[in-house]
């Protein structure tokens, strides 16, 4: 198991592309944690409601 930690601060345009690229690989034994660091660009809402189903 690999833990992938994504640190975010006002980077709303980046997490979805990053996560999509992780799911595009063949290795599947991983978990993803997004650490939100007080963003003001809507990143918090994105992290709370976005569901990824790749």
PDB file of N, CA and C in Angstrom:
ATOM      1  N   UNK A   1       0.850  -1.180   0.000  1.00  0.00           N
ATOM      2  CA  UNK A   1       0.000   0.000   0.000  1.00  0.00           C
ATOM      3  C   UNK A   1       0.889   1.234   0.000  1.00  0.00           C
ATOM      4  N   UNK A   2       0.572   2.151  -0.877  1.00  0.00           N
ATOM      5  CA  UNK A   2       1.285   3.421  -0.974  1.00  0.00           C
ATOM      6  C   UNK A   2       0.313   4.526  -0.596  1.00  0.00           C
ATOM      7  N   UNK A   3       0.736   5.428   0.267  1.00  0.00           N
ATOM      8  CA  UNK A   3      -0.067   6.595   0.626  1.00  0.00           C
ATOM      9  C   UNK A   3       0.436   7.796  -0.160  1.00  0.00           C
ATOM     10  N   UNK A   4      -0.464   8.432  -0.856  1.00  0.00           N
ATOM     11  CA  UNK A   4      -0.131   9.623  -1.638  1.00  0.00           C
ATOM     12  C   UNK A   4      -0.802  10.797  -0.956  1.00  0.00           C
ATOM     13  N   UNK A   5      -0.008  11.784  -0.570  1.00  0.00           N
ATOM     14  CA  UNK A   5      -0.525  12.949   0.134  1.00  0.00           C
ATOM     15  C   UNK A   5      -0.363  14.158  -0.776  1.00  0.00           C
ATOM     16  N   UNK A   6      -1.482  14.809  -1.071  1.00  0.00           N
ATOM     17  CA  UNK A   6      -1.477  15.995  -1.914  1.00  0.00           C
ATOM     18  C   UNK A   6      -1.707  17.195  -1.015  1.00  0.00           C
ATOM     19  N   UNK A   7      -0.730  18.089  -0.965  1.00  0.00           N
ATOM     20  CA  UNK A   7      -0.845  19.321  -0.184  1.00  0.00           C
ATOM     21  C   UNK A   7      -1.430  20.386  -1.110  1.00  0.00           C
ATOM     22  N   UNK A   8      -2.469  21.075  -0.660  1.00  0.00           N
ATOM     23  CA  UNK A   8      -3.119  22.064  -1.506  1.00  0.00           C
ATOM     24  C   UNK A   8      -3.273  23.392  -0.785  1.00  0.00           C
ATOM     25  N   UNK A   9      -2.964  24.461  -1.502  1.00  0.00           N
ATOM     26  CA  UNK A   9      -3.263  25.819  -1.050  1.00  0.00           C
ATOM     27  C   UNK A   9      -3.573  26.654  -2.287  1.00  0.00           C
ATOM     28  N   UNK A  10      -4.817  27.037  -2.418  1.00  0.00           N
ATOM     29  CA  UNK A  10      -5.293  27.831  -3.556  1.00  0.00           C
ATOM     30  C   UNK A  10      -4.885  27.221  -4.900  1.00  0.00           C
ATOM     31  N   UNK A  11      -4.987  25.922  -4.998  1.00  0.00           N
ATOM     32  CA  UNK A  11      -4.625  25.228  -6.231  1.00  0.00           C
ATOM     33  C   UNK A  11      -5.800  24.483  -6.828  1.00  0.00           C
ATOM     34  N   UNK A  12      -6.958  25.103  -6.836  1.00  0.00           N
ATOM     35  CA  UNK A  12      -8.182  24.446  -7.283  1.00  0.00           C
ATOM     36  C   UNK A  12      -8.039  23.811  -8.657  1.00  0.00           C
ATOM     37  N   UNK A  13      -7.238  24.381  -9.525  1.00  0.00           N
ATOM     38  CA  UNK A  13      -7.125  23.866 -10.894  1.00  0.00           C
ATOM     39  C   UNK A  13      -6.240  22.622 -11.002  1.00  0.00           C
ATOM     40  N   UNK A  14      -5.532  22.241  -9.941  1.00  0.00           N
ATOM     41  CA  UNK A  14      -4.575  21.134 -10.029  1.00  0.00           C
ATOM     42  C   UNK A  14      -5.022  19.770  -9.507  1.00  0.00           C
ATOM     43  N   UNK A  15      -5.749  19.659  -8.400  1.00  0.00           N
ATOM     44  CA  UNK A  15      -5.991  18.325  -7.815  1.00  0.00           C
ATOM     45  C   UNK A  15      -6.693  17.336  -8.742  1.00  0.00           C
ATOM     46  N   UNK A  16      -7.673  17.769  -9.508  1.00  0.00           N
ATOM     47  CA  UNK A  16      -8.397  16.822 -10.344  1.00  0.00           C
ATOM     48  C   UNK A  16      -7.492  16.200 -11.404  1.00  0.00           C
ATOM     49  N   UNK A  17      -6.632  17.007 -12.017  1.00  0.00           N
ATOM     50  CA  UNK A  17      -5.689  16.480 -13.017  1.00  0.00           C
ATOM     51  C   UNK A  17      -4.684  15.534 -12.362  1.00  0.00           C
ATOM     52  N   UNK A  18      -4.234  15.903 -11.191  1.00  0.00           N
ATOM     53  CA  UNK A  18      -3.265  15.076 -10.464  1.00  0.00           C
ATOM     54  C   UNK A  18      -3.880  13.726 -10.113  1.00  0.00           C
ATOM     55  N   UNK A  19      -5.088  13.739  -9.587  1.00  0.00           N
ATOM     56  CA  UNK A  19      -5.744  12.506  -9.183  1.00  0.00           C
ATOM     57  C   UNK A  19      -6.075  11.647 -10.400  1.00  0.00           C
ATOM     58  N   UNK A  20      -6.495  12.276 -11.483  1.00  0.00           N
ATOM     59  CA  UNK A  20      -6.783  11.521 -12.709  1.00  0.00           C
ATOM     60  C   UNK A  20      -5.532  10.807 -13.207  1.00  0.00           C
ATOM     61  N   UNK A  21      -4.389  11.459 -13.124  1.00  0.00           N
ATOM     62  CA  UNK A  21      -3.155  10.815 -13.580  1.00  0.00           C
ATOM     63  C   UNK A  21      -2.769   9.650 -12.674  1.00  0.00           C
ATOM     64  N   UNK A  22      -3.072   9.739 -11.397  1.00  0.00           N
ATOM     65  CA  UNK A  22      -2.790   8.627 -10.483  1.00  0.00           C
ATOM     66  C   UNK A  22      -3.647   7.411 -10.830  1.00  0.00           C
ATOM     67  N   UNK A  23      -4.909   7.633 -11.150  1.00  0.00           N
ATOM     68  CA  UNK A  23      -5.791   6.529 -11.507  1.00  0.00           C
ATOM     69  C   UNK A  23      -5.511   5.987 -12.902  1.00  0.00           C
ATOM     70  N   UNK A  24      -4.780   6.725 -13.716  1.00  0.00           N
ATOM     71  CA  UNK A  24      -4.453   6.272 -15.073  1.00  0.00           C
ATOM     72  C   UNK A  24      -3.319   5.251 -15.090  1.00  0.00           C
ATOM     73  N   UNK A  25      -2.607   5.125 -13.994  1.00  0.00           N
ATOM     74  CA  UNK A  25      -1.508   4.154 -13.947  1.00  0.00           C
ATOM     75  C   UNK A  25      -2.049   2.749 -13.666  1.00  0.00           C
ATOM     76  N   UNK A  26      -1.214   1.757 -13.822  1.00  0.00           N
ATOM     77  CA  UNK A  26      -1.648   0.378 -13.621  1.00  0.00           C
ATOM     78  C   UNK A  26      -1.577  -0.064 -12.157  1.00  0.00           C
ATOM     79  N   UNK A  27      -0.719   0.553 -11.364  1.00  0.00           N
ATOM     80  CA  UNK A  27      -0.609   0.193  -9.949  1.00  0.00           C
ATOM     81  C   UNK A  27      -1.838   0.723  -9.216  1.00  0.00           C
ATOM     82  N   UNK A  28      -2.532  -0.125  -8.479  1.00  0.00           N
ATOM     83  CA  UNK A  28      -3.796   0.261  -7.853  1.00  0.00           C
ATOM     84  C   UNK A  28      -3.792   0.223  -6.321  1.00  0.00           C
ATOM     85  N   UNK A  29      -2.734  -0.230  -5.725  1.00  0.00           N
ATOM     86  CA  UNK A  29      -2.724  -0.380  -4.273  1.00  0.00           C
ATOM     87  C   UNK A  29      -2.254   0.925  -3.621  1.00  0.00           C
ATOM     88  N   UNK A  30      -3.124   1.950  -3.670  1.00  0.00           N
ATOM     89  CA  UNK A  30      -2.759   3.232  -3.073  1.00  0.00           C
ATOM     90  C   UNK A  30      -3.987   3.918  -2.487  1.00  0.00           C
ATOM     91  N   UNK A  31      -3.714   4.841  -1.608  1.00  0.00           N
ATOM     92  CA  UNK A  31      -4.749   5.708  -1.061  1.00  0.00           C
ATOM     93  C   UNK A  31      -4.307   7.144  -1.270  1.00  0.00           C
ATOM     94  N   UNK A  32      -5.255   8.051  -1.417  1.00  0.00           N
ATOM     95  CA  UNK A  32      -4.946   9.457  -1.657  1.00  0.00           C
ATOM     96  C   UNK A  32      -5.548  10.280  -0.530  1.00  0.00           C
ATOM     97  N   UNK A  33      -4.735  11.144   0.040  1.00  0.00           N
ATOM     98  CA  UNK A  33      -5.185  12.076   1.068  1.00  0.00           C
ATOM     99  C   UNK A  33      -4.896  13.484   0.568  1.00  0.00           C
ATOM    100  N   UNK A  34      -5.902  14.347   0.605  1.00  0.00           N
ATOM    101  CA  UNK A  34      -5.695  15.756   0.251  1.00  0.00           C
ATOM    102  C   UNK A  34      -5.644  16.547   1.542  1.00  0.00           C
ATOM    103  N   UNK A  35      -4.553  17.264   1.746  1.00  0.00           N
ATOM    104  CA  UNK A  35      -4.390  18.125   2.911  1.00  0.00           C
ATOM    105  C   UNK A  35      -4.648  19.549   2.445  1.00  0.00           C
ATOM    106  N   UNK A  36      -5.746  20.119   2.908  1.00  0.00           N
ATOM    107  CA  UNK A  36      -6.144  21.465   2.515  1.00  0.00           C
ATOM    108  C   UNK A  36      -5.538  22.447   3.504  1.00  0.00           C
ATOM    109  N   UNK A  37      -4.891  23.461   2.992  1.00  0.00           N
ATOM    110  CA  UNK A  37      -4.109  24.361   3.827  1.00  0.00           C
ATOM    111  C   UNK A  37      -4.695  25.772   3.866  1.00  0.00           C
ATOM    112  N   UNK A  38      -6.003  25.890   4.048  1.00  0.00           N
ATOM    113  CA  UNK A  38      -6.633  27.188   4.225  1.00  0.00           C
ATOM    114  C   UNK A  38      -6.864  27.966   2.940  1.00  0.00           C
ATOM    115  N   UNK A  39      -7.177  27.288   1.880  1.00  0.00           N
ATOM    116  CA  UNK A  39      -7.402  27.959   0.596  1.00  0.00           C
ATOM    117  C   UNK A  39      -8.626  28.862   0.632  1.00  0.00           C
ATOM    118  N   UNK A  40      -8.605  29.867  -0.251  1.00  0.00           N
ATOM    119  CA  UNK A  40      -9.730  30.786  -0.391  1.00  0.00           C
ATOM    120  C   UNK A  40     -10.274  30.777  -1.815  1.00  0.00           C
ATOM    121  N   UNK A  41      -9.881  29.802  -2.623  1.00  0.00           N
ATOM    122  CA  UNK A  41     -10.274  29.763  -4.038  1.00  0.00           C
ATOM    123  C   UNK A  41     -11.322  28.698  -4.350  1.00  0.00           C
ATOM    124  N   UNK A  42     -11.959  28.142  -3.335  1.00  0.00           N
ATOM    125  CA  UNK A  42     -12.953  27.112  -3.557  1.00  0.00           C
ATOM    126  C   UNK A  42     -12.416  25.696  -3.443  1.00  0.00           C
ATOM    127  N   UNK A  43     -11.141  25.558  -3.150  1.00  0.00           N
ATOM    128  CA  UNK A  43     -10.528  24.236  -3.029  1.00  0.00           C
ATOM    129  C   UNK A  43     -11.156  23.404  -1.921  1.00  0.00           C
ATOM    130  N   UNK A  44     -11.556  24.050  -0.850  1.00  0.00           N
ATOM    131  CA  UNK A  44     -12.125  23.318   0.282  1.00  0.00           C
ATOM    132  C   UNK A  44     -13.413  22.624  -0.151  1.00  0.00           C
ATOM    133  N   UNK A  45     -14.277  23.330  -0.836  1.00  0.00           N
ATOM    134  CA  UNK A  45     -15.523  22.744  -1.322  1.00  0.00           C
ATOM    135  C   UNK A  45     -15.271  21.613  -2.296  1.00  0.00           C
ATOM    136  N   UNK A  46     -14.292  21.784  -3.158  1.00  0.00           N
ATOM    137  CA  UNK A  46     -13.938  20.746  -4.117  1.00  0.00           C
ATOM    138  C   UNK A  46     -13.516  19.484  -3.385  1.00  0.00           C
ATOM    139  N   UNK A  47     -12.653  19.623  -2.409  1.00  0.00           N
ATOM    140  CA  UNK A  47     -12.138  18.463  -1.672  1.00  0.00           C
ATOM    141  C   UNK A  47     -13.251  17.768  -0.888  1.00  0.00           C
ATOM    142  N   UNK A  48     -14.239  18.503  -0.451  1.00  0.00           N
ATOM    143  CA  UNK A  48     -15.313  17.910   0.344  1.00  0.00           C
ATOM    144  C   UNK A  48     -16.338  17.158  -0.490  1.00  0.00           C
ATOM    145  N   UNK A  49     -16.633  17.626  -1.680  1.00  0.00           N
ATOM    146  CA  UNK A  49     -17.753  17.042  -2.417  1.00  0.00           C
ATOM    147  C   UNK A  49     -17.363  16.251  -3.657  1.00  0.00           C
ATOM    148  N   UNK A  50     -16.155  16.362  -4.098  1.00  0.00           N
ATOM    149  CA  UNK A  50     -15.749  15.693  -5.333  1.00  0.00           C
ATOM    150  C   UNK A  50     -15.614  14.204  -5.104  1.00  0.00           C
ATOM    151  N   UNK A  51     -16.227  13.411  -5.949  1.00  0.00           N
ATOM    152  CA  UNK A  51     -16.082  11.958  -5.902  1.00  0.00           C
ATOM    153  C   UNK A  51     -15.350  11.518  -7.152  1.00  0.00           C
ATOM    154  N   UNK A  52     -14.374  10.688  -6.965  1.00  0.00           N
ATOM    155  CA  UNK A  52     -13.583  10.191  -8.085  1.00  0.00           C
ATOM    156  C   UNK A  52     -13.916   8.722  -8.283  1.00  0.00           C
ATOM    157  N   UNK A  53     -14.258   8.354  -9.501  1.00  0.00           N
ATOM    158  CA  UNK A  53     -14.656   6.981  -9.767  1.00  0.00           C
ATOM    159  C   UNK A  53     -13.969   6.451 -11.017  1.00  0.00           C
ATOM    160  N   UNK A  54     -12.685   6.558 -11.064  1.00  0.00           N
ATOM    161  CA  UNK A  54     -11.948   6.048 -12.217  1.00  0.00           C
ATOM    162  C   UNK A  54     -11.662   4.587 -12.026  1.00  0.00           C
TER     163      UNK A  54
END
